Amino acid sequence: MSASQVYKNFINGEWVESKSGETFENRNPANTDELVGVFQKSTPEDVKAAIDAAAEAYEKWRLVPAPKRGEILFRIASRLLDVKEALSRDMTREMGKIIAETRGDTQEAIDMAFYMAGEGRRLFGMTTPSELTNKFNMTVRQPLGVCSFITPWNFPMAIPAWKMMPALICGNTVVIKPATDTPLSVVSLVRICHEEGIPRGVVNMVTGSGGTLGDALIGDPRVKVVSFTGSTETGRKVSRACAPNFKHSCLEMGGKNVQIVMDDAKLELAVDGALWGAFGTTGQRCTATSRLVCHKDVVGRFVSMLVKRARELKIGGGLDETVQMGPCINQQQLDTILSYIEVGKKEGARMATGGEKLTGGDYDKGFFVGPTVFTEVTRDMRIWKEEIFGPVLSVGTFSTLEEAIELANDTNYGLSASIYTQDINKAYVAMRDVYTGIFYVNAPTIGAETHLPFGGVKETGNGHREAATAALDVFSEWKSVYIDFSGTLQRAQIDTD
């Protein structure tokens, strides 16, 4: 094993080993013979050291002028752009999704860094007239302090950047724990932050198990914001842990996203959207198309076209430019997906294609399952209700737009939805009445852009949004400022006559 394969924690500007002295391996999910790297198995003591560093660094970082902070973020973005291909290839090796998608993941981090760099010269507040003479009113943003980030494995650079860049531009400091399945991308992001001028202690990283480190990351009173992306079950625990001290939490959680196909839809385009939405990232996206409701008059043709295209998808290791779908992230996720496929069969859904672990040749070294389509799915089935997080699409039918909207809203989640139709009136009705945080017309349920708010309703989130200027509200507090230059006591609401 070469020394370059062993990666350390980053605390107070230094790469350091865990106090546990223990490490864990990270292997390629497409080929478990390939060791991606060895990472630190951190302890709560390591987390405390990282928070110590972040708390100390905050006192100076919050006073750095925001435009200067923005200049550093601009350099980070430029550096990410320069090494985009190398970062993307490393991400495919550790996460498994195809190289075209990891390039997109890296690009999201680049876009977010550039976007938030620009906010360094904005961070707009407002001025407003006072109700009294010789008095000036305005609002300003102020940072909160130390932010803890717990990030998932499916977007191992984009999501950390979505959290980190707005936090930094607002003047906060950061402790991040990447997913144990994908720590290398965050190591690379943190290294670039350090090399491009982020002061020591402002960005800190510890690797290891969320179960071991979660309490330390959340419970320390010096942590003012916890930003978590993952399952609704874990997000609920994070919310409860933050509640006693009124600690701010930003929760981005599960989804059970739906694509509506109307009878006037361009079916070829709708099939393109379903394939990309359901099987992009091997279905391992919170915005993945997990449900599809199709008008009864076109469902036969649509399913026939969809199944044919799904069977033609090339599956394999993501560094092969011709591969269209990669592996599941690990054995546990593969087992979960296969168990849901068995549930669907037992519940009476008709499996139109897929449904099996892929074996033979290179497949035996990875966690591969074929793209799976169930038809005749009804709303009482578990595969209709529960997030699977894999390449499994459940297809149901409807007769009217109103029924389609009712089916779309029949979920505990509310992240993303889409409709395919050539009728602008139907598109606007669905856009208004489908209750989600994100909505697409004639596009799949995936494809968010960094300059619009990202997040969902119901059990998908807790009201906050990531990306765009909405993210600034997560990582800053408003302060209202009143400046009275009258030289006399003026009592608001009393001395207004």
Protein backbone atom coordinates (compact mmCIF):
# COMPACT_ATOMS: atom_id res chain seq x y z
CA MET A 1 0.00 0.00 0.00
CA SER A 2 1.45 3.38 -0.98
CA ALA A 3 1.49 6.29 1.44
CA SER A 4 -0.69 8.27 -0.97
CA GLN A 5 -3.54 5.86 -0.31
CA VAL A 6 -3.77 6.82 3.38
CA TYR A 7 -5.77 10.00 3.99
CA LYS A 8 -5.89 11.97 7.23
CA ASN A 9 -8.32 14.27 8.99
CA PHE A 10 -7.91 18.01 8.45
CA ILE A 11 -8.00 19.98 11.70
CA ASN A 12 -6.74 23.52 12.31
CA GLY A 13 -4.89 23.65 9.00
CA GLU A 14 -3.05 20.34 9.51
CA TRP A 15 -3.51 16.81 8.18
CA VAL A 16 -3.62 14.63 11.26
CA GLU A 17 -4.34 11.04 12.17
CA SER A 18 -7.30 10.11 14.31
CA LYS A 19 -6.67 9.82 18.01
CA SER A 20 -8.07 6.29 17.74
CA GLY A 21 -5.14 5.17 15.62
CA GLU A 22 -7.65 3.20 13.54
CA THR A 23 -8.56 3.44 9.87
CA PHE A 24 -11.11 2.04 7.42
CA GLU A 25 -10.92 1.10 3.76
CA ASN A 26 -12.90 2.59 0.90
CA ARG A 27 -13.32 0.40 -2.19
CA ASN A 28 -14.71 0.92 -5.67
CA PRO A 29 -18.36 -0.27 -5.72
CA ALA A 30 -17.95 -1.35 -9.35
CA ASN A 31 -14.86 -3.41 -8.52
CA THR A 32 -14.24 -4.15 -4.86
CA ASP A 33 -10.77 -5.45 -5.71
CA GLU A 34 -9.77 -1.81 -6.18
CA LEU A 35 -8.80 0.03 -3.01
CA VAL A 36 -9.65 3.72 -3.39
CA GLY A 37 -8.05 4.76 -0.12
CA VAL A 38 -7.66 4.28 3.62
CA PHE A 39 -9.28 6.87 5.89
CA GLN A 40 -9.29 7.80 9.55
CA LYS A 41 -11.78 6.13 11.88
CA SER A 42 -12.37 9.24 13.96
CA THR A 43 -13.62 9.57 17.53
CA PRO A 44 -15.67 12.21 19.38
CA GLU A 45 -12.33 13.49 20.66
CA ASP A 46 -11.30 14.24 17.06
CA VAL A 47 -14.58 16.07 16.52
CA LYS A 48 -13.97 18.17 19.62
CA ALA A 49 -10.53 19.14 18.33
CA ALA A 50 -12.09 20.19 15.03
CA ILE A 51 -14.77 22.25 16.79
CA ASP A 52 -12.09 23.81 19.02
CA ALA A 53 -10.24 24.94 15.90
CA ALA A 54 -13.38 26.19 14.17
CA ALA A 55 -14.55 28.13 17.23
CA GLU A 56 -11.18 29.87 17.60
CA ALA A 57 -10.90 30.64 13.88
CA TYR A 58 -14.41 32.10 13.79
CA GLU A 59 -13.40 35.17 15.80
CA LYS A 60 -11.07 36.32 13.02
CA TRP A 61 -12.85 34.88 9.96
CA ARG A 62 -16.14 36.66 10.71
CA LEU A 63 -14.27 39.99 10.56
CA VAL A 64 -12.67 39.34 7.16
CA PRO A 65 -14.55 41.59 4.71
CA ALA A 66 -17.05 39.56 2.72
CA PRO A 67 -15.55 40.64 -0.64
CA LYS A 68 -12.20 39.24 0.53
CA ARG A 69 -13.87 35.99 1.54
CA GLY A 70 -15.43 35.97 -1.92
CA GLU A 71 -12.04 36.31 -3.58
CA ILE A 72 -10.87 33.15 -1.82
CA LEU A 73 -13.99 31.29 -2.94
CA PHE A 74 -13.37 32.49 -6.49
CA ARG A 75 -9.87 31.01 -6.37
CA ILE A 76 -11.31 27.74 -5.04
CA ALA A 77 -13.81 27.63 -7.90
CA SER A 78 -11.10 28.30 -10.47
CA ARG A 79 -8.91 25.56 -9.04
CA LEU A 80 -11.80 23.08 -9.02
CA LEU A 81 -12.36 23.91 -12.68
CA ASP A 82 -8.70 23.29 -13.49
CA VAL A 83 -8.71 19.81 -11.93
CA LYS A 84 -12.32 18.90 -12.75
CA GLU A 85 -11.49 15.76 -14.71
CA ALA A 86 -9.18 14.27 -12.07
CA LEU A 87 -11.72 14.97 -9.31
CA SER A 88 -14.50 13.44 -11.38
CA ARG A 89 -12.57 10.28 -12.09
CA ASP A 90 -11.77 9.85 -8.40
CA MET A 91 -15.45 10.34 -7.61
CA THR A 92 -16.49 7.63 -10.07
CA ARG A 93 -14.01 5.27 -8.44
CA GLU A 94 -15.37 5.87 -4.93
CA MET A 95 -19.07 6.40 -5.67
CA GLY A 96 -19.69 4.37 -8.82
CA LYS A 97 -21.82 6.69 -10.92
CA ILE A 98 -20.75 7.14 -14.52
CA ILE A 99 -18.06 9.64 -15.43
CA ALA A 100 -20.49 11.96 -17.24
CA GLU A 101 -22.45 12.29 -14.00
CA THR A 102 -19.44 12.81 -11.75
CA ARG A 103 -18.30 15.58 -14.09
CA GLY A 104 -21.69 17.14 -13.44
CA ASP A 105 -21.27 16.65 -9.69
CA THR A 106 -17.92 18.44 -9.77
CA GLN A 107 -19.39 21.17 -11.95
CA GLU A 108 -22.08 21.80 -9.34
CA ALA A 109 -19.34 22.42 -6.78
CA ILE A 110 -17.63 24.79 -9.23
CA ASP A 111 -20.88 26.61 -9.93
CA MET A 112 -21.69 26.98 -6.24
CA ALA A 113 -18.23 28.31 -5.41
CA PHE A 114 -18.40 30.89 -8.20
CA TYR A 115 -21.95 31.85 -7.25
CA MET A 116 -21.18 32.35 -3.57
CA ALA A 117 -17.95 34.19 -4.42
CA GLY A 118 -20.16 36.78 -6.09
CA GLU A 119 -22.32 37.02 -2.98
CA GLY A 120 -19.26 38.40 -1.21
CA ARG A 121 -20.02 41.72 -2.94
CA ARG A 122 -23.75 41.46 -2.35
CA LEU A 123 -25.08 39.77 0.81
CA PHE A 124 -27.82 42.32 0.39
CA GLY A 125 -29.85 43.69 3.24
CA MET A 126 -32.39 46.43 2.82
CA THR A 127 -32.99 50.03 3.77
CA THR A 128 -36.46 51.31 4.51
CA PRO A 129 -37.91 54.66 5.51
CA SER A 130 -38.46 55.25 9.21
CA GLU A 131 -41.80 56.37 10.55
CA LEU A 132 -39.91 59.07 12.46
CA THR A 133 -37.95 62.08 11.27
CA ASN A 134 -34.16 62.08 11.28
CA LYS A 135 -33.97 58.32 11.69
CA PHE A 136 -32.45 55.68 9.37
CA ASN A 137 -33.40 51.98 9.24
CA MET A 138 -31.60 49.05 7.63
CA THR A 139 -30.98 45.32 7.89
CA VAL A 140 -27.67 43.45 7.75
CA ARG A 141 -26.70 39.79 7.82
CA GLN A 142 -24.51 38.44 10.59
CA PRO A 143 -22.84 34.99 10.76
CA LEU A 144 -23.75 32.44 13.40
CA GLY A 145 -20.51 30.63 14.24
CA VAL A 146 -19.44 27.01 13.86
CA CYS A 147 -21.42 24.89 11.38
CA SER A 148 -21.47 21.07 11.39
CA PHE A 149 -22.11 19.32 8.09
CA ILE A 150 -23.11 15.68 7.73
CA THR A 151 -23.13 14.85 4.03
CA PRO A 152 -24.27 11.84 1.95
CA TRP A 153 -22.49 9.61 -0.51
CA ASN A 154 -24.56 10.16 -3.65
CA PHE A 155 -23.26 13.67 -4.44
CA PRO A 156 -19.93 13.59 -2.62
CA MET A 157 -18.64 16.97 -3.82
CA ALA A 158 -21.71 18.92 -4.92
CA ILE A 159 -23.60 18.65 -1.64
CA PRO A 160 -20.59 19.51 0.57
CA ALA A 161 -20.01 22.57 -1.64
CA TRP A 162 -23.70 23.50 -1.45
CA LYS A 163 -23.31 23.69 2.32
CA MET A 164 -19.74 24.94 2.65
CA MET A 165 -19.67 27.86 0.21
CA PRO A 166 -22.68 29.81 1.57
CA ALA A 167 -21.53 29.15 5.14
CA LEU A 168 -18.07 30.52 4.41
CA ILE A 169 -19.20 33.59 2.50
CA CYS A 170 -21.43 34.54 5.43
CA GLY A 171 -18.42 34.38 7.78
CA ASN A 172 -18.99 31.04 9.52
CA THR A 173 -16.48 28.25 10.13
CA VAL A 174 -17.01 24.62 9.24
CA VAL A 175 -16.60 21.07 10.52
CA ILE A 176 -17.62 18.50 7.92
CA LYS A 177 -18.03 14.74 8.18
CA PRO A 178 -18.35 13.12 4.75
CA ALA A 179 -20.14 9.83 4.17
CA THR A 180 -17.99 6.81 4.95
CA ASP A 181 -18.58 5.49 1.42
CA THR A 182 -17.25 8.64 -0.28
CA PRO A 183 -14.69 10.54 1.79
CA LEU A 184 -12.10 11.10 -0.97
CA SER A 185 -14.08 13.81 -2.78
CA VAL A 186 -14.39 15.86 0.41
CA VAL A 187 -10.70 15.34 1.17
CA SER A 188 -9.96 16.82 -2.26
CA LEU A 189 -12.36 19.73 -1.74
CA VAL A 190 -10.91 20.56 1.67
CA ARG A 191 -7.35 20.33 0.34
CA ILE A 192 -8.16 22.83 -2.40
CA CYS A 193 -9.79 25.17 0.12
CA HIS A 194 -6.62 25.08 2.20
CA GLU A 195 -4.26 25.53 -0.76
CA GLU A 196 -6.25 28.46 -2.15
CA GLY A 197 -6.13 30.50 1.05
CA ILE A 198 -8.82 29.49 3.52
CA PRO A 199 -7.21 30.33 6.89
CA ARG A 200 -6.35 27.56 9.35
CA GLY A 201 -9.27 26.38 11.44
CA VAL A 202 -11.94 27.82 9.14
CA VAL A 203 -12.56 24.50 7.36
CA ASN A 204 -12.08 21.22 9.25
CA MET A 205 -12.86 17.64 8.28
CA VAL A 206 -13.16 14.36 10.17
CA THR A 207 -13.93 11.00 8.57
CA GLY A 208 -15.68 8.06 10.15
CA SER A 209 -19.07 6.72 11.15
CA GLY A 210 -22.04 9.00 11.61
CA GLY A 211 -23.27 6.75 14.40
CA THR A 212 -20.02 7.30 16.28
CA LEU A 213 -19.53 11.00 15.54
CA GLY A 214 -23.08 12.33 15.21
CA ASP A 215 -23.66 13.26 18.84
CA ALA A 216 -20.35 15.11 19.04
CA LEU A 217 -21.02 16.99 15.80
CA ILE A 218 -24.49 18.05 16.91
CA GLY A 219 -24.34 18.32 20.68
CA ASP A 220 -21.45 20.71 21.23
CA PRO A 221 -22.96 24.06 22.31
CA ARG A 222 -20.47 25.94 20.16
CA VAL A 223 -22.05 24.46 17.04
CA LYS A 224 -24.74 26.90 15.95
CA VAL A 225 -25.92 25.27 12.70
CA VAL A 226 -26.26 21.61 11.74
CA SER A 227 -26.81 20.93 8.04
CA PHE A 228 -27.74 17.34 7.24
CA THR A 229 -28.57 15.53 4.01
CA GLY A 230 -29.75 11.93 4.23
CA SER A 231 -32.72 9.80 5.19
CA THR A 232 -35.84 11.19 6.84
CA GLU A 233 -35.38 8.75 9.72
CA THR A 234 -31.92 10.10 10.54
CA GLY A 235 -33.00 13.68 9.86
CA ARG A 236 -35.72 13.33 12.47
CA LYS A 237 -33.05 12.31 15.01
CA VAL A 238 -30.93 15.32 14.06
CA SER A 239 -33.92 17.62 14.50
CA ARG A 240 -34.66 16.22 17.95
CA ALA A 241 -31.02 16.55 18.99
CA CYS A 242 -30.96 20.22 17.93
CA ALA A 243 -34.28 21.14 19.51
CA PRO A 244 -33.36 21.39 23.24
CA ASN A 245 -30.86 24.19 22.61
CA PHE A 246 -32.81 25.73 19.70
CA LYS A 247 -29.84 24.98 17.48
CA HIS A 248 -30.47 25.82 13.84
CA SER A 249 -30.84 22.78 11.60
CA CYS A 250 -31.17 22.49 7.83
CA LEU A 251 -32.52 19.08 6.85
CA GLU A 252 -32.62 17.75 3.30
CA MET A 253 -34.13 14.29 3.41
CA GLY A 254 -36.08 11.69 1.45
CA GLY A 255 -38.21 11.79 -1.66
CA LYS A 256 -40.74 9.72 -3.57
CA ASN A 257 -40.83 11.77 -6.72
CA VAL A 258 -43.39 11.41 -9.48
CA GLN A 259 -43.45 11.97 -13.22
CA ILE A 260 -46.89 12.57 -14.76
CA VAL A 261 -47.36 11.60 -18.41
CA MET A 262 -50.49 13.09 -19.99
CA ASP A 263 -52.21 11.62 -23.05
CA ASP A 264 -50.97 14.53 -25.18
CA ALA A 265 -47.33 14.14 -24.11
CA LYS A 266 -44.53 13.57 -26.58
CA LEU A 267 -43.97 9.97 -25.55
CA GLU A 268 -40.40 9.71 -26.82
CA LEU A 269 -39.44 12.73 -24.74
CA ALA A 270 -41.33 11.39 -21.72
CA VAL A 271 -39.47 8.07 -22.02
CA ASP A 272 -36.16 9.96 -22.18
CA GLY A 273 -37.14 11.75 -18.99
CA ALA A 274 -38.21 8.58 -17.19
CA LEU A 275 -35.00 6.76 -18.09
CA TRP A 276 -32.82 9.60 -16.89
CA GLY A 277 -34.94 10.36 -13.84
CA ALA A 278 -35.30 6.75 -12.67
CA PHE A 279 -31.95 5.25 -13.62
CA GLY A 280 -29.53 8.19 -13.57
CA THR A 281 -27.14 7.73 -10.63
CA THR A 282 -28.59 4.19 -10.46
CA GLY A 283 -31.69 5.75 -8.91
CA GLN A 284 -29.61 6.90 -5.94
CA ARG A 285 -30.79 10.50 -5.88
CA CYS A 286 -33.23 12.15 -3.50
CA THR A 287 -34.85 13.63 -6.63
CA ALA A 288 -34.91 10.34 -8.58
CA THR A 289 -38.13 9.41 -10.38
CA SER A 290 -39.46 6.62 -8.20
CA ARG A 291 -43.10 6.83 -9.30
CA LEU A 292 -44.60 7.42 -12.73
CA VAL A 293 -48.29 7.93 -13.42
CA CYS A 294 -49.35 7.60 -17.03
CA HIS A 295 -52.67 8.35 -18.70
CA LYS A 296 -54.58 5.12 -19.28
CA ASP A 297 -54.92 5.81 -23.02
CA VAL A 298 -51.16 5.86 -23.63
CA VAL A 299 -49.76 3.68 -20.83
CA GLY A 300 -49.44 0.59 -23.05
CA ARG A 301 -47.34 2.38 -25.66
CA PHE A 302 -45.34 4.25 -23.07
CA VAL A 303 -44.41 1.18 -21.03
CA SER A 304 -43.48 -0.76 -24.16
CA MET A 305 -41.10 1.99 -25.25
CA LEU A 306 -39.71 2.42 -21.72
CA VAL A 307 -39.02 -1.27 -21.15
CA LYS A 308 -37.26 -1.61 -24.51
CA ARG A 309 -35.00 1.34 -23.73
CA ALA A 310 -34.33 0.18 -20.16
CA ARG A 311 -33.20 -3.23 -21.39
CA GLU A 312 -30.78 -1.55 -23.79
CA LEU A 313 -28.98 0.47 -21.10
CA LYS A 314 -25.33 -0.48 -20.77
CA ILE A 315 -24.39 -1.19 -17.17
CA GLY A 316 -20.88 -1.41 -15.76
CA GLY A 317 -17.92 0.49 -14.36
CA GLY A 318 -18.47 4.20 -14.68
CA LEU A 319 -15.06 5.13 -16.10
CA ASP A 320 -16.09 3.46 -19.37
CA GLU A 321 -17.52 6.37 -21.37
CA THR A 322 -20.04 4.04 -23.06
CA VAL A 323 -21.59 2.83 -19.80
CA GLN A 324 -24.97 4.39 -18.98
CA MET A 325 -25.60 3.12 -15.43
CA GLY A 326 -23.18 2.17 -12.70
CA PRO A 327 -23.40 0.05 -9.54
CA CYS A 328 -25.19 0.57 -6.25
CA ILE A 329 -23.01 2.16 -3.61
CA ASN A 330 -22.52 -0.91 -1.40
CA GLN A 331 -23.81 -4.35 -0.46
CA GLN A 332 -26.28 -2.99 2.07
CA GLN A 333 -27.90 -0.72 -0.50
CA LEU A 334 -28.02 -3.52 -3.05
CA ASP A 335 -29.71 -5.80 -0.51
CA THR A 336 -32.26 -3.09 0.30
CA ILE A 337 -33.13 -2.63 -3.36
CA LEU A 338 -33.47 -6.37 -3.96
CA SER A 339 -35.68 -6.68 -0.89
CA TYR A 340 -38.02 -3.98 -2.21
CA ILE A 341 -38.18 -5.77 -5.55
CA GLU A 342 -39.35 -8.88 -3.71
CA VAL A 343 -41.91 -6.77 -1.84
CA GLY A 344 -43.25 -5.45 -5.15
CA LYS A 345 -43.65 -8.95 -6.53
CA LYS A 346 -45.47 -10.17 -3.41
CA GLU A 347 -47.79 -7.17 -3.41
CA GLY A 348 -48.99 -8.02 -6.91
CA ALA A 349 -47.22 -5.46 -9.07
CA ARG A 350 -46.16 -6.72 -12.49
CA MET A 351 -42.43 -6.65 -13.08
CA ALA A 352 -41.96 -5.58 -16.68
CA THR A 353 -38.18 -5.75 -16.70
CA GLY A 354 -35.15 -6.06 -14.42
CA GLY A 355 -35.45 -7.18 -10.84
CA GLU A 356 -32.24 -9.16 -10.47
CA LYS A 357 -28.70 -8.75 -9.26
CA LEU A 358 -26.40 -8.82 -12.26
CA THR A 359 -23.81 -11.60 -12.14
CA GLY A 360 -20.99 -12.99 -14.23
CA GLY A 361 -17.73 -11.44 -15.35
CA ASP A 362 -16.98 -8.03 -13.93
CA TYR A 363 -20.43 -7.85 -12.34
CA ASP A 364 -19.31 -10.33 -9.68
CA LYS A 365 -16.83 -7.77 -8.33
CA GLY A 366 -19.43 -5.04 -7.82
CA PHE A 367 -22.94 -4.22 -6.63
CA PHE A 368 -24.98 -4.25 -9.80
CA VAL A 369 -28.73 -4.57 -10.30
CA GLY A 370 -30.64 -4.18 -13.54
CA PRO A 371 -32.98 -1.22 -14.16
CA THR A 372 -36.35 -2.39 -12.90
CA VAL A 373 -39.84 -1.32 -13.98
CA PHE A 374 -43.01 -2.37 -12.15
CA THR A 375 -46.42 -1.75 -13.73
CA GLU A 376 -49.95 -2.04 -12.33
CA VAL A 377 -48.72 -0.44 -9.12
CA THR A 378 -51.42 0.83 -6.78
CA ARG A 379 -51.24 3.40 -4.03
CA ASP A 380 -51.60 0.85 -1.22
CA MET A 381 -48.32 -0.87 -2.14
CA ARG A 382 -45.09 -0.26 -0.23
CA ILE A 383 -43.15 0.28 -3.47
CA TRP A 384 -45.52 3.20 -4.12
CA LYS A 385 -45.06 4.74 -0.68
CA GLU A 386 -41.51 4.07 0.53
CA GLU A 387 -38.23 5.50 -0.73
CA ILE A 388 -36.17 2.72 -2.33
CA PHE A 389 -33.13 4.75 -3.44
CA GLY A 390 -32.30 2.49 -6.35
CA PRO A 391 -33.14 1.89 -10.02
CA VAL A 392 -36.75 0.81 -9.41
CA LEU A 393 -39.62 2.63 -11.14
CA SER A 394 -43.26 2.05 -10.16
CA VAL A 395 -45.85 2.84 -12.85
CA GLY A 396 -49.50 3.56 -12.16
CA THR A 397 -52.33 4.95 -14.30
CA PHE A 398 -54.95 7.72 -14.20
CA SER A 399 -57.86 9.01 -16.23
CA THR A 400 -57.94 12.75 -15.50
CA LEU A 401 -55.46 15.46 -14.58
CA GLU A 402 -57.16 15.84 -11.21
CA GLU A 403 -56.60 12.16 -10.50
CA ALA A 404 -52.96 12.44 -11.58
CA ILE A 405 -52.40 15.34 -9.19
CA GLU A 406 -54.07 13.42 -6.38
CA LEU A 407 -51.74 10.48 -7.02
CA ALA A 408 -48.73 12.78 -7.20
CA ASN A 409 -49.55 14.24 -3.79
CA ASP A 410 -50.19 10.80 -2.26
CA THR A 411 -46.86 10.64 -0.44
CA ASN A 412 -45.29 11.69 2.85
CA TYR A 413 -42.55 13.40 0.86
CA GLY A 414 -42.55 16.50 -1.29
CA LEU A 415 -39.26 17.11 -3.04
CA SER A 416 -39.66 16.98 -6.82
CA ALA A 417 -42.25 16.25 -9.50
CA SER A 418 -42.70 16.69 -13.24
CA ILE A 419 -45.37 16.67 -15.90
CA TYR A 420 -45.13 15.88 -19.61
CA THR A 421 -47.85 17.61 -21.62
CA GLN A 422 -48.28 19.88 -24.63
CA ASP A 423 -51.19 21.70 -22.96
CA ILE A 424 -49.96 24.82 -21.20
CA ASN A 425 -53.12 25.03 -19.13
CA LYS A 426 -52.62 21.53 -17.73
CA ALA A 427 -48.97 22.32 -17.04
CA TYR A 428 -49.89 25.39 -15.00
CA VAL A 429 -52.59 23.58 -13.04
CA ALA A 430 -50.14 20.82 -12.12
CA MET A 431 -47.42 23.34 -11.30
CA ARG A 432 -49.84 25.03 -8.91
CA ASP A 433 -51.44 21.97 -7.31
CA VAL A 434 -48.65 19.40 -6.99
CA TYR A 435 -47.19 20.07 -3.55
CA THR A 436 -43.42 19.84 -3.89
CA GLY A 437 -40.40 22.09 -3.48
CA ILE A 438 -39.29 21.53 -7.08
CA PHE A 439 -41.41 21.11 -10.20
CA TYR A 440 -40.51 20.49 -13.85
CA VAL A 441 -42.51 20.77 -17.06
CA ASN A 442 -41.49 18.45 -19.91
CA ALA A 443 -38.33 17.51 -18.02
CA PRO A 444 -37.46 14.73 -15.54
CA THR A 445 -37.59 15.10 -11.77
CA ILE A 446 -33.80 15.57 -11.59
CA GLY A 447 -31.67 18.46 -12.81
CA ALA A 448 -31.59 21.22 -10.18
CA GLU A 449 -29.45 24.30 -10.84
CA THR A 450 -27.40 26.06 -8.20
CA HIS A 451 -29.01 29.50 -8.62
CA LEU A 452 -32.49 28.30 -7.60
CA PRO A 453 -33.48 27.16 -4.09
CA PHE A 454 -33.28 23.39 -3.55
CA GLY A 455 -35.39 21.49 -1.06
CA GLY A 456 -38.78 20.02 -0.35
CA VAL A 457 -41.88 20.02 1.81
CA LYS A 458 -43.54 17.58 4.21
CA GLU A 459 -41.07 14.89 5.38
CA THR A 460 -38.48 15.92 2.79
CA GLY A 461 -37.25 18.95 4.72
CA ASN A 462 -37.78 21.35 7.60
CA GLY A 463 -38.53 24.50 5.64
CA HIS A 464 -35.02 25.62 4.73
CA ARG A 465 -33.56 25.60 1.23
CA GLU A 466 -30.09 24.95 -0.09
CA ALA A 467 -28.46 26.74 -3.04
CA ALA A 468 -29.16 30.21 -4.42
CA THR A 469 -29.55 33.16 -2.06
CA ALA A 470 -31.97 31.05 0.00
CA ALA A 471 -28.92 29.26 1.42
CA LEU A 472 -27.72 32.51 2.94
CA ASP A 473 -30.72 32.46 5.26
CA VAL A 474 -29.52 29.13 6.67
CA PHE A 475 -26.08 30.45 7.53
CA SER A 476 -26.79 33.99 8.67
CA GLU A 477 -29.09 35.88 11.01
CA TRP A 478 -30.86 39.12 10.21
CA LYS A 479 -30.10 42.16 12.33
CA SER A 480 -32.36 45.21 12.12
CA VAL A 481 -30.46 48.46 12.76
CA TYR A 482 -32.08 51.78 13.76
CA ILE A 483 -29.97 54.96 13.69
CA ASP A 484 -31.55 58.05 15.25
CA PHE A 485 -29.73 61.28 14.38
CA SER A 486 -32.41 63.64 15.69
CA GLY A 487 -30.61 64.35 18.93
CA THR A 488 -33.80 63.77 20.88
CA LEU A 489 -35.70 60.81 22.29
CA GLN A 490 -38.16 59.54 19.71
CA ARG A 491 -40.55 56.80 20.80
CA ALA A 492 -41.61 54.56 17.90
CA GLN A 493 -45.39 54.21 17.47
CA ILE A 494 -45.87 56.85 20.18
CA ASP A 495 -44.24 59.99 18.78
CA THR A 496 -45.53 59.58 15.22
CA ASP A 497 -48.29 62.18 15.22
